[in-house]
PDB file of N, CA and C in Angstrom:
ATOM      1  N   MET A   1     -84.413-173.227-184.212  1.00  0.00           N
ATOM      2  CA  MET A   1     -84.413-174.672-184.008  1.00  0.00           C
ATOM      3  C   MET A   1     -85.704-174.938-183.204  1.00  0.00           C
ATOM      4  N   ALA A   2     -86.391-175.923-183.480  1.00  0.00           N
ATOM      5  CA  ALA A   2     -87.548-176.364-182.715  1.00  0.00           C
ATOM      6  C   ALA A   2     -87.248-176.887-181.363  1.00  0.00           C
ATOM      7  N   ALA A   3     -88.207-176.750-180.488  1.00  0.00           N
ATOM      8  CA  ALA A   3     -87.989-177.034-179.120  1.00  0.00           C
ATOM      9  C   ALA A   3     -87.724-178.660-179.039  1.00  0.00           C
ATOM     10  N   THR A   4     -88.338-179.445-179.857  1.00  0.00           N
ATOM     11  CA  THR A   4     -88.131-180.845-179.872  1.00  0.00           C
ATOM     12  C   THR A   4     -86.729-181.174-180.217  1.00  0.00           C
ATOM     13  N   ALA A   5     -86.089-180.430-181.075  1.00  0.00           N
ATOM     14  CA  ALA A   5     -84.684-180.697-181.447  1.00  0.00           C
ATOM     15  C   ALA A   5     -83.795-180.400-180.303  1.00  0.00           C
ATOM     16  N   PHE A   6     -84.153-179.335-179.481  1.00  0.00           N
ATOM     17  CA  PHE A   6     -83.310-178.984-178.358  1.00  0.00           C
ATOM     18  C   PHE A   6     -83.485-179.987-177.196  1.00  0.00           C
ATOM     19  N   LYS A   7     -84.705-180.568-177.210  1.00  0.00           N
ATOM     20  CA  LYS A   7     -84.923-181.668-176.210  1.00  0.00           C
ATOM     21  C   LYS A   7     -84.048-182.907-176.585  1.00  0.00           C
ATOM     22  N   PHE A   8     -83.964-183.291-177.763  1.00  0.00           N
ATOM     23  CA  PHE A   8     -83.147-184.503-178.156  1.00  0.00           C
ATOM     24  C   PHE A   8     -81.669-184.176-177.943  1.00  0.00           C
ATOM     25  N   GLU A   9     -81.248-182.934-178.263  1.00  0.00           N
ATOM     26  CA  GLU A   9     -79.866-182.613-178.017  1.00  0.00           C
ATOM     27  C   GLU A   9     -79.450-182.598-176.524  1.00  0.00           C
ATOM     28  N   SER A  10     -80.490-182.110-175.724  1.00  0.00           N
ATOM     29  CA  SER A  10     -80.195-182.119-174.228  1.00  0.00           C
ATOM     30  C   SER A  10     -80.229-183.513-173.614  1.00  0.00           C
ATOM     31  N   ASP A  11     -80.965-184.455-174.257  1.00  0.00           N
ATOM     32  CA  ASP A  11     -80.881-185.843-173.819  1.00  0.00           C
ATOM     33  C   ASP A  11     -79.561-186.399-174.054  1.00  0.00           C
ATOM     34  N   ILE A  12     -79.030-186.157-175.341  1.00  0.00           N
ATOM     35  CA  ILE A  12     -77.712-186.749-175.622  1.00  0.00           C
ATOM     36  C   ILE A  12     -76.593-186.097-174.588  1.00  0.00           C
ATOM     37  N   LEU A  13     -76.710-184.811-174.390  1.00  0.00           N
ATOM     38  CA  LEU A  13     -75.681-184.199-173.596  1.00  0.00           C
ATOM     39  C   LEU A  13     -75.874-184.627-172.142  1.00  0.00           C
ATOM     40  N   SER A  14     -77.131-184.869-171.633  1.00  0.00           N
ATOM     41  CA  SER A  14     -77.369-185.383-170.356  1.00  0.00           C
ATOM     42  C   SER A  14     -76.862-186.765-170.077  1.00  0.00           C
ATOM     43  N   ALA A  15     -76.997-187.685-171.119  1.00  0.00           N
ATOM     44  CA  ALA A  15     -76.616-188.991-171.130  1.00  0.00           C
ATOM     45  C   ALA A  15     -75.121-189.085-171.003  1.00  0.00           C
ATOM     46  N   LEU A  16     -74.380-188.156-171.598  1.00  0.00           N
ATOM     47  CA  LEU A  16     -72.995-188.009-171.555  1.00  0.00           C
ATOM     48  C   LEU A  16     -72.261-187.414-170.257  1.00  0.00           C
ATOM     49  N   ALA A  17     -73.241-186.866-169.369  1.00  0.00           N
ATOM     50  CA  ALA A  17     -72.802-186.030-168.287  1.00  0.00           C
ATOM     51  C   ALA A  17     -72.558-186.942-167.089  1.00  0.00           C
ATOM     52  N   HIS A  18     -71.853-187.929-167.173  1.00  0.00           N
ATOM     53  CA  HIS A  18     -71.297-188.790-166.095  1.00  0.00           C
ATOM     54  C   HIS A  18     -70.018-189.397-166.544  1.00  0.00           C
ATOM     55  N   PRO A  19     -69.033-189.336-165.630  1.00  0.00           N
ATOM     56  CA  PRO A  19     -67.680-189.807-165.972  1.00  0.00           C
ATOM     57  C   PRO A  19     -67.667-191.302-166.399  1.00  0.00           C
ATOM     58  N   ASN A  20     -68.426-192.202-165.751  1.00  0.00           N
ATOM     59  CA  ASN A  20     -68.522-193.554-166.222  1.00  0.00           C
ATOM     60  C   ASN A  20     -69.119-193.736-167.546  1.00  0.00           C
ATOM     61  N   ARG A  21     -70.112-192.861-168.020  1.00  0.00           N
ATOM     62  CA  ARG A  21     -70.544-192.938-169.282  1.00  0.00           C
ATOM     63  C   ARG A  21     -69.579-192.511-170.323  1.00  0.00           C
ATOM     64  N   LEU A  22     -69.012-191.495-170.024  1.00  0.00           N
ATOM     65  CA  LEU A  22     -67.799-191.068-170.960  1.00  0.00           C
ATOM     66  C   LEU A  22     -66.767-192.077-171.118  1.00  0.00           C
ATOM     67  N   ARG A  23     -66.429-192.816-169.999  1.00  0.00           N
ATOM     68  CA  ARG A  23     -65.508-193.807-170.073  1.00  0.00           C
ATOM     69  C   ARG A  23     -65.917-194.985-170.963  1.00  0.00           C
ATOM     70  N   ILE A  24     -67.166-195.340-170.922  1.00  0.00           N
ATOM     71  CA  ILE A  24     -67.864-196.346-171.575  1.00  0.00           C
ATOM     72  C   ILE A  24     -67.723-196.045-173.184  1.00  0.00           C
ATOM     73  N   VAL A  25     -68.143-194.772-173.504  1.00  0.00           N
ATOM     74  CA  VAL A  25     -68.073-194.280-174.852  1.00  0.00           C
ATOM     75  C   VAL A  25     -66.583-194.447-175.466  1.00  0.00           C
ATOM     76  N   GLU A  26     -65.632-193.858-174.565  1.00  0.00           N
ATOM     77  CA  GLU A  26     -64.290-193.954-174.939  1.00  0.00           C
ATOM     78  C   GLU A  26     -63.678-195.319-175.159  1.00  0.00           C
ATOM     79  N   GLY A  27     -64.240-196.195-174.311  1.00  0.00           N
ATOM     80  CA  GLY A  27     -63.877-197.656-174.363  1.00  0.00           C
ATOM     81  C   GLY A  27     -64.397-198.343-175.631  1.00  0.00           C
ATOM     82  N   LEU A  28     -65.225-197.732-176.289  1.00  0.00           N
ATOM     83  CA  LEU A  28     -65.790-198.265-177.555  1.00  0.00           C
ATOM     84  C   LEU A  28     -65.303-197.470-178.837  1.00  0.00           C
ATOM     85  N   ARG A  29     -64.355-196.686-178.584  1.00  0.00           N
ATOM     86  CA  ARG A  29     -63.788-195.946-179.645  1.00  0.00           C
ATOM     87  C   ARG A  29     -63.313-196.732-180.723  1.00  0.00           C
ATOM     88  N   LYS A  30     -62.679-197.812-180.435  1.00  0.00           N
ATOM     89  CA  LYS A  30     -62.145-198.750-181.549  1.00  0.00           C
ATOM     90  C   LYS A  30     -63.159-199.764-181.998  1.00  0.00           C
ATOM     91  N   GLY A  31     -64.358-199.765-181.706  1.00  0.00           N
ATOM     92  CA  GLY A  31     -65.350-200.575-182.115  1.00  0.00           C
ATOM     93  C   GLY A  31     -66.103-201.320-181.049  1.00  0.00           C
ATOM     94  N   ALA A  32     -67.007-202.281-181.532  1.00  0.00           N
ATOM     95  CA  ALA A  32     -67.887-203.017-180.598  1.00  0.00           C
ATOM     96  C   ALA A  32     -66.913-203.899-179.701  1.00  0.00           C
ATOM     97  N   ARG A  33     -67.618-203.999-178.376  1.00  0.00           N
ATOM     98  CA  ARG A  33     -66.944-204.782-177.329  1.00  0.00           C
ATOM     99  C   ARG A  33     -68.039-205.329-176.462  1.00  0.00           C
ATOM    100  N   CYS A  34     -67.645-206.490-175.808  1.00  0.00           N
ATOM    101  CA  CYS A  34     -68.649-207.063-174.947  1.00  0.00           C
ATOM    102  C   CYS A  34     -68.442-206.626-173.493  1.00  0.00           C
ATOM    103  N   ASN A  35     -69.434-206.744-172.682  1.00  0.00           N
ATOM    104  CA  ASN A  35     -69.382-206.388-171.299  1.00  0.00           C
ATOM    105  C   ASN A  35     -68.254-206.980-170.551  1.00  0.00           C
ATOM    106  N   CYS A  36     -67.909-208.173-170.958  1.00  0.00           N
ATOM    107  CA  CYS A  36     -66.796-208.898-170.175  1.00  0.00           C
ATOM    108  C   CYS A  36     -65.442-208.190-170.651  1.00  0.00           C
ATOM    109  N   GLU A  37     -65.241-207.469-171.481  1.00  0.00           N
ATOM    110  CA  GLU A  37     -64.077-206.652-171.793  1.00  0.00           C
ATOM    111  C   GLU A  37     -64.136-205.407-171.222  1.00  0.00           C
ATOM    112  N   LEU A  38     -65.248-204.735-171.153  1.00  0.00           N
ATOM    113  CA  LEU A  38     -65.356-203.330-170.704  1.00  0.00           C
ATOM    114  C   LEU A  38     -65.372-203.347-169.128  1.00  0.00           C
ATOM    115  N   MET A  39     -65.949-204.283-168.391  1.00  0.00           N
ATOM    116  CA  MET A  39     -66.042-204.330-166.916  1.00  0.00           C
ATOM    117  C   MET A  39     -64.590-204.292-166.321  1.00  0.00           C
ATOM    118  N   PRO A  40     -63.688-205.087-166.664  1.00  0.00           N
ATOM    119  CA  PRO A  40     -62.368-205.051-166.053  1.00  0.00           C
ATOM    120  C   PRO A  40     -61.566-203.848-166.425  1.00  0.00           C
ATOM    121  N   GLU A  41     -61.736-203.434-167.641  1.00  0.00           N
ATOM    122  CA  GLU A  41     -61.037-202.330-168.224  1.00  0.00           C
ATOM    123  C   GLU A  41     -61.392-200.919-167.490  1.00  0.00           C
ATOM    124  N   LEU A  42     -62.607-200.816-167.290  1.00  0.00           N
ATOM    125  CA  LEU A  42     -63.184-199.626-166.664  1.00  0.00           C
ATOM    126  C   LEU A  42     -63.287-199.739-165.111  1.00  0.00           C
ATOM    127  N   GLY A  43     -63.111-201.107-164.702  1.00  0.00           N
ATOM    128  CA  GLY A  43     -63.330-201.211-163.065  1.00  0.00           C
ATOM    129  C   GLY A  43     -64.674-201.065-162.723  1.00  0.00           C
ATOM    130  N   LEU A  44     -65.662-201.412-163.583  1.00  0.00           N
ATOM    131  CA  LEU A  44     -67.109-201.344-163.228  1.00  0.00           C
ATOM    132  C   LEU A  44     -67.662-202.791-162.926  1.00  0.00           C
ATOM    133  N   GLU A  45     -68.667-202.993-161.992  1.00  0.00           N
ATOM    134  CA  GLU A  45     -69.348-204.040-161.907  1.00  0.00           C
ATOM    135  C   GLU A  45     -70.377-204.207-162.990  1.00  0.00           C
ATOM    136  N   GLN A  46     -70.751-205.460-163.269  1.00  0.00           N
ATOM    137  CA  GLN A  46     -71.716-205.671-164.375  1.00  0.00           C
ATOM    138  C   GLN A  46     -72.986-204.781-164.188  1.00  0.00           C
ATOM    139  N   SER A  47     -73.546-204.730-163.030  1.00  0.00           N
ATOM    140  CA  SER A  47     -74.738-203.960-162.776  1.00  0.00           C
ATOM    141  C   SER A  47     -74.659-202.522-163.062  1.00  0.00           C
ATOM    142  N   ASN A  48     -73.435-201.954-162.765  1.00  0.00           N
ATOM    143  CA  ASN A  48     -73.094-200.563-162.868  1.00  0.00           C
ATOM    144  C   ASN A  48     -72.927-200.322-164.392  1.00  0.00           C
ATOM    145  N   LEU A  49     -72.165-201.093-165.140  1.00  0.00           N
ATOM    146  CA  LEU A  49     -72.024-201.043-166.553  1.00  0.00           C
ATOM    147  C   LEU A  49     -73.204-201.018-167.226  1.00  0.00           C
ATOM    148  N   SER A  50     -74.189-201.972-166.893  1.00  0.00           N
ATOM    149  CA  SER A  50     -75.420-202.106-167.525  1.00  0.00           C
ATOM    150  C   SER A  50     -76.214-200.956-167.273  1.00  0.00           C
ATOM    151  N   ARG A  51     -76.350-200.335-166.134  1.00  0.00           N
ATOM    152  CA  ARG A  51     -77.184-199.180-165.789  1.00  0.00           C
ATOM    153  C   ARG A  51     -76.785-197.980-166.621  1.00  0.00           C
ATOM    154  N   HIS A  52     -75.405-197.800-166.657  1.00  0.00           N
ATOM    155  CA  HIS A  52     -74.947-196.578-167.452  1.00  0.00           C
ATOM    156  C   HIS A  52     -75.129-196.824-169.008  1.00  0.00           C
ATOM    157  N   ALA A  53     -74.769-197.932-169.458  1.00  0.00           N
ATOM    158  CA  ALA A  53     -75.058-198.397-170.817  1.00  0.00           C
ATOM    159  C   ALA A  53     -76.495-198.119-171.150  1.00  0.00           C
ATOM    160  N   ARG A  54     -77.511-198.557-170.292  1.00  0.00           N
ATOM    161  CA  ARG A  54     -78.840-198.273-170.645  1.00  0.00           C
ATOM    162  C   ARG A  54     -79.220-196.830-170.859  1.00  0.00           C
ATOM    163  N   VAL A  55     -78.644-195.838-170.088  1.00  0.00           N
ATOM    164  CA  VAL A  55     -78.739-194.504-170.292  1.00  0.00           C
ATOM    165  C   VAL A  55     -78.305-194.042-171.654  1.00  0.00           C
ATOM    166  N   LEU A  56     -77.217-194.592-171.993  1.00  0.00           N
ATOM    167  CA  LEU A  56     -76.491-194.286-173.295  1.00  0.00           C
ATOM    168  C   LEU A  56     -77.346-194.882-174.480  1.00  0.00           C
ATOM    169  N   ILE A  57     -77.910-196.016-174.288  1.00  0.00           N
ATOM    170  CA  ILE A  57     -78.814-196.656-175.337  1.00  0.00           C
ATOM    171  C   ILE A  57     -80.068-195.862-175.414  1.00  0.00           C
ATOM    172  N   ASP A  58     -80.676-195.536-174.320  1.00  0.00           N
ATOM    173  CA  ASP A  58     -81.953-194.749-174.361  1.00  0.00           C
ATOM    174  C   ASP A  58     -81.713-193.453-175.091  1.00  0.00           C
ATOM    175  N   ALA A  59     -80.568-192.808-174.972  1.00  0.00           N
ATOM    176  CA  ALA A  59     -80.310-191.495-175.654  1.00  0.00           C
ATOM    177  C   ALA A  59     -79.911-191.666-177.138  1.00  0.00           C
ATOM    178  N   GLY A  60     -79.840-192.944-177.613  1.00  0.00           N
ATOM    179  CA  GLY A  60     -79.432-193.295-179.015  1.00  0.00           C
ATOM    180  C   GLY A  60     -77.909-193.237-179.190  1.00  0.00           C
ATOM    181  N   ILE A  61     -77.071-193.150-178.206  1.00  0.00           N
ATOM    182  CA  ILE A  61     -75.771-193.113-178.303  1.00  0.00           C
ATOM    183  C   ILE A  61     -75.084-194.443-178.518  1.00  0.00           C
ATOM    184  N   LEU A  62     -75.592-195.537-177.897  1.00  0.00           N
ATOM    185  CA  LEU A  62     -75.065-196.824-178.052  1.00  0.00           C
ATOM    186  C   LEU A  62     -76.129-197.740-178.609  1.00  0.00           C
ATOM    187  N   ILE A  63     -75.715-198.965-179.147  1.00  0.00           N
ATOM    188  CA  ILE A  63     -76.699-200.057-179.571  1.00  0.00           C
ATOM    189  C   ILE A  63     -76.101-201.163-178.870  1.00  0.00           C
ATOM    190  N   SER A  64     -76.864-202.196-178.480  1.00  0.00           N
ATOM    191  CA  SER A  64     -76.411-203.449-177.822  1.00  0.00           C
ATOM    192  C   SER A  64     -77.191-204.575-178.409  1.00  0.00           C
ATOM    193  N   TRP A  65     -76.436-205.773-178.255  1.00  0.00           N
ATOM    194  CA  TRP A  65     -77.105-207.036-178.643  1.00  0.00           C
ATOM    195  C   TRP A  65     -76.474-208.110-177.747  1.00  0.00           C
ATOM    196  N   LYS A  66     -77.152-209.159-177.509  1.00  0.00           N
ATOM    197  CA  LYS A  66     -76.762-210.274-176.761  1.00  0.00           C
ATOM    198  C   LYS A  66     -76.198-211.362-177.561  1.00  0.00           C
ATOM    199  N   ASP A  67     -75.137-211.950-177.119  1.00  0.00           N
ATOM    200  CA  ASP A  67     -74.555-213.258-177.683  1.00  0.00           C
ATOM    201  C   ASP A  67     -74.291-214.188-176.556  1.00  0.00           C
ATOM    202  N   GLY A  68     -75.312-215.069-176.303  1.00  0.00           N
ATOM    203  CA  GLY A  68     -75.237-215.941-175.171  1.00  0.00           C
ATOM    204  C   GLY A  68     -75.407-215.024-173.999  1.00  0.00           C
ATOM    205  N   VAL A  69     -74.435-215.292-173.085  1.00  0.00           N
ATOM    206  CA  VAL A  69     -74.519-214.443-171.674  1.00  0.00           C
ATOM    207  C   VAL A  69     -73.842-213.126-171.904  1.00  0.00           C
ATOM    208  N   ARG A  70     -73.123-212.976-173.006  1.00  0.00           N
ATOM    209  CA  ARG A  70     -72.413-211.708-173.268  1.00  0.00           C
ATOM    210  C   ARG A  70     -73.344-210.604-173.880  1.00  0.00           C
ATOM    211  N   VAL A  71     -73.066-209.394-173.407  1.00  0.00           N
ATOM    212  CA  VAL A  71     -73.821-208.243-173.911  1.00  0.00           C
ATOM    213  C   VAL A  71     -72.844-207.478-174.670  1.00  0.00           C
ATOM    214  N   ASN A  72     -73.083-207.221-175.935  1.00  0.00           N
ATOM    215  CA  ASN A  72     -72.111-206.445-176.800  1.00  0.00           C
ATOM    216  C   ASN A  72     -72.722-204.943-176.883  1.00  0.00           C
ATOM    217  N   TYR A  73     -71.692-204.031-176.900  1.00  0.00           N
ATOM    218  CA  TYR A  73     -72.054-202.729-177.078  1.00  0.00           C
ATOM    219  C   TYR A  73     -71.220-202.038-178.279  1.00  0.00           C
ATOM    220  N   GLU A  74     -72.060-201.158-178.938  1.00  0.00           N
ATOM    221  CA  GLU A  74     -71.264-200.312-180.017  1.00  0.00           C
ATOM    222  C   GLU A  74     -71.876-198.888-180.076  1.00  0.00           C
ATOM    223  N   VAL A  75     -71.023-198.069-180.395  1.00  0.00           N
ATOM    224  CA  VAL A  75     -71.425-196.637-180.608  1.00  0.00           C
ATOM    225  C   VAL A  75     -72.333-196.652-181.863  1.00  0.00           C
ATOM    226  N   ALA A  76     -73.592-195.964-181.760  1.00  0.00           N
ATOM    227  CA  ALA A  76     -74.533-195.905-182.804  1.00  0.00           C
ATOM    228  C   ALA A  76     -74.070-195.089-184.030  1.00  0.00           C
ATOM    229  N   ASP A  77     -73.361-193.983-183.671  1.00  0.00           N
ATOM    230  CA  ASP A  77     -72.862-192.996-184.736  1.00  0.00           C
ATOM    231  C   ASP A  77     -71.525-192.488-184.222  1.00  0.00           C
ATOM    232  N   LYS A  78     -70.600-192.687-185.104  1.00  0.00           N
ATOM    233  CA  LYS A  78     -69.155-192.341-184.778  1.00  0.00           C
ATOM    234  C   LYS A  78     -69.027-190.787-184.571  1.00  0.00           C
ATOM    235  N   LYS A  79     -69.980-190.032-184.961  1.00  0.00           N
ATOM    236  CA  LYS A  79     -69.866-188.551-184.706  1.00  0.00           C
ATOM    237  C   LYS A  79     -69.841-188.193-183.229  1.00  0.00           C
ATOM    238  N   ILE A  80     -70.323-189.150-182.413  1.00  0.00           N
ATOM    239  CA  ILE A  80     -70.289-188.904-180.896  1.00  0.00           C
ATOM    240  C   ILE A  80     -68.891-188.602-180.433  1.00  0.00           C
ATOM    241  N   PHE A  81     -67.898-189.335-181.076  1.00  0.00           N
ATOM    242  CA  PHE A  81     -66.534-189.082-180.682  1.00  0.00           C
ATOM    243  C   PHE A  81     -66.133-187.553-180.935  1.00  0.00           C
ATOM    244  N   ASP A  82     -66.655-186.923-182.059  1.00  0.00           N
ATOM    245  CA  ASP A  82     -66.398-185.593-182.306  1.00  0.00           C
ATOM    246  C   ASP A  82     -66.889-184.660-181.044  1.00  0.00           C
ATOM    247  N   LEU A  83     -68.016-185.030-180.725  1.00  0.00           N
ATOM    248  CA  LEU A  83     -68.636-184.326-179.537  1.00  0.00           C
ATOM    249  C   LEU A  83     -67.870-184.451-178.277  1.00  0.00           C
ATOM    250  N   VAL A  84     -67.465-185.819-177.992  1.00  0.00           N
ATOM    251  CA  VAL A  84     -66.609-186.073-176.747  1.00  0.00           C
ATOM    252  C   VAL A  84     -65.239-185.405-176.873  1.00  0.00           C
ATOM    253  N   ASP A  85     -64.598-185.482-177.987  1.00  0.00           N
ATOM    254  CA  ASP A  85     -63.273-184.819-178.340  1.00  0.00           C
ATOM    255  C   ASP A  85     -63.414-183.181-177.966  1.00  0.00           C
ATOM    256  N   SER A  86     -64.528-182.622-178.524  1.00  0.00           N
ATOM    257  CA  SER A  86     -64.679-181.173-178.337  1.00  0.00           C
ATOM    258  C   SER A  86     -64.905-180.886-176.825  1.00  0.00           C
ATOM    259  N   ALA A  87     -65.683-181.694-176.100  1.00  0.00           N
ATOM    260  CA  ALA A  87     -65.828-181.485-174.651  1.00  0.00           C
ATOM    261  C   ALA A  87     -64.498-181.672-174.013  1.00  0.00           C
ATOM    262  N   SER A  88     -63.761-182.532-174.324  1.00  0.00           N
ATOM    263  CA  SER A  88     -62.505-182.770-173.771  1.00  0.00           C
ATOM    264  C   SER A  88     -61.541-181.581-174.005  1.00  0.00           C
ATOM    265  N   ALA A  89     -61.568-181.043-175.177  1.00  0.00           N
ATOM    266  CA  ALA A  89     -60.669-179.920-175.421  1.00  0.00           C
ATOM    267  C   ALA A  89     -61.137-178.654-174.668  1.00  0.00           C
ATOM    268  N   ILE A  90     -62.477-178.564-174.525  1.00  0.00           N
ATOM    269  CA  ILE A  90     -62.965-177.388-173.821  1.00  0.00           C
ATOM    270  C   ILE A  90     -62.578-177.465-172.322  1.00  0.00           C
ATOM    271  N   ALA A  91     -62.755-178.722-171.825  1.00  0.00           N
ATOM    272  CA  ALA A  91     -62.486-178.950-170.433  1.00  0.00           C
ATOM    273  C   ALA A  91     -61.001-178.706-170.078  1.00  0.00           C
ATOM    274  N   LYS A  92     -60.119-179.185-171.026  1.00  0.00           N
ATOM    275  CA  LYS A  92     -58.549-179.020-170.788  1.00  0.00           C
ATOM    276  C   LYS A  92     -58.269-177.485-170.842  1.00  0.00           C
ATOM    277  N   ARG A  93     -58.844-176.796-171.867  1.00  0.00           N
ATOM    278  CA  ARG A  93     -58.505-175.375-171.850  1.00  0.00           C
ATOM    279  C   ARG A  93     -59.106-174.587-170.600  1.00  0.00           C
ATOM    280  N   SER A  94     -60.195-174.958-170.264  1.00  0.00           N
ATOM    281  CA  SER A  94     -60.785-174.314-168.901  1.00  0.00           C
ATOM    282  C   SER A  94     -59.913-174.605-167.778  1.00  0.00           C
ATOM    283  N   LEU A  95     -59.600-175.808-167.558  1.00  0.00           N
ATOM    284  CA  LEU A  95     -58.678-176.253-166.536  1.00  0.00           C
ATOM    285  C   LEU A  95     -57.256-175.578-166.534  1.00  0.00           C
ATOM    286  N   GLU A  96     -56.759-175.326-167.760  1.00  0.00           N
ATOM    287  CA  GLU A  96     -55.442-174.621-167.878  1.00  0.00           C
ATOM    288  C   GLU A  96     -55.636-173.231-167.532  1.00  0.00           C
ATOM    289  N   GLN A  97     -56.832-172.544-167.807  1.00  0.00           N
ATOM    290  CA  GLN A  97     -57.048-171.097-167.463  1.00  0.00           C
ATOM    291  C   GLN A  97     -57.271-171.025-166.017  1.00  0.00           C
ATOM    292  N   LYS A  98     -57.944-171.983-165.398  1.00  0.00           N
ATOM    293  CA  LYS A  98     -58.112-171.967-163.907  1.00  0.00           C
ATOM    294  C   LYS A  98     -56.748-172.042-163.160  1.00  0.00           C
ATOM    295  N   LEU A  99     -55.909-173.024-163.696  1.00  0.00           N
ATOM    296  CA  LEU A  99     -54.527-173.116-163.019  1.00  0.00           C
ATOM    297  C   LEU A  99     -53.717-171.901-163.190  1.00  0.00           C
ATOM    298  N   LYS A 100     -53.805-171.388-164.441  1.00  0.00           N
ATOM    299  CA  LYS A 100     -53.085-170.120-164.564  1.00  0.00           C
ATOM    300  C   LYS A 100     -53.489-169.048-163.666  1.00  0.00           C
ATOM    301  N   ALA A 101     -54.881-168.852-163.438  1.00  0.00           N
ATOM    302  CA  ALA A 101     -55.409-167.806-162.579  1.00  0.00           C
ATOM    303  C   ALA A 101     -55.027-168.159-161.066  1.00  0.00           C
ATOM    304  N   LEU A 102     -54.991-169.352-160.800  1.00  0.00           N
ATOM    305  CA  LEU A 102     -54.606-169.732-159.397  1.00  0.00           C
ATOM    306  C   LEU A 102     -53.048-169.348-159.075  1.00  0.00           C
ATOM    307  N   LYS A 103     -52.249-169.707-160.055  1.00  0.00           N
ATOM    308  CA  LYS A 103     -50.809-169.371-159.991  1.00  0.00           C
ATOM    309  C   LYS A 103     -50.583-167.793-160.009  1.00  0.00           C
ATOM    310  N   ALA A 104     -51.348-167.061-160.605  1.00  0.00           N
ATOM    311  CA  ALA A 104     -51.226-165.611-160.764  1.00  0.00           C
ATOM    312  C   ALA A 104     -51.771-164.891-159.507  1.00  0.00           C
ATOM    313  N   GLY A 105     -52.780-165.634-158.806  1.00  0.00           N
ATOM    314  CA  GLY A 105     -53.484-165.126-157.783  1.00  0.00           C
ATOM    315  C   GLY A 105     -52.911-164.937-156.551  1.00  0.00           C
TER     316      GLY A 105
END
């Protein structure tokens, strides 16, 4: 694989490497939503939501558009959910192994 491809992949993974960004992506699992819906659901201020969404947009994970004062967000490619689900499964398995080791320890 070319170095450029690895760079693009690492940009996507880096963009997802924050709990709030994962929560934003998860909040868009059922489709496009406006910032006014995501802010209270995620407990984020508008500036915080916008900052994290910008990272996801720059990585090509989200798209956004304005509708008056509302900003709408949508996942650019639904395959991102496969990646998030895989990461979640790996994290769960790792946590279970660590807990098992602590109990045995």
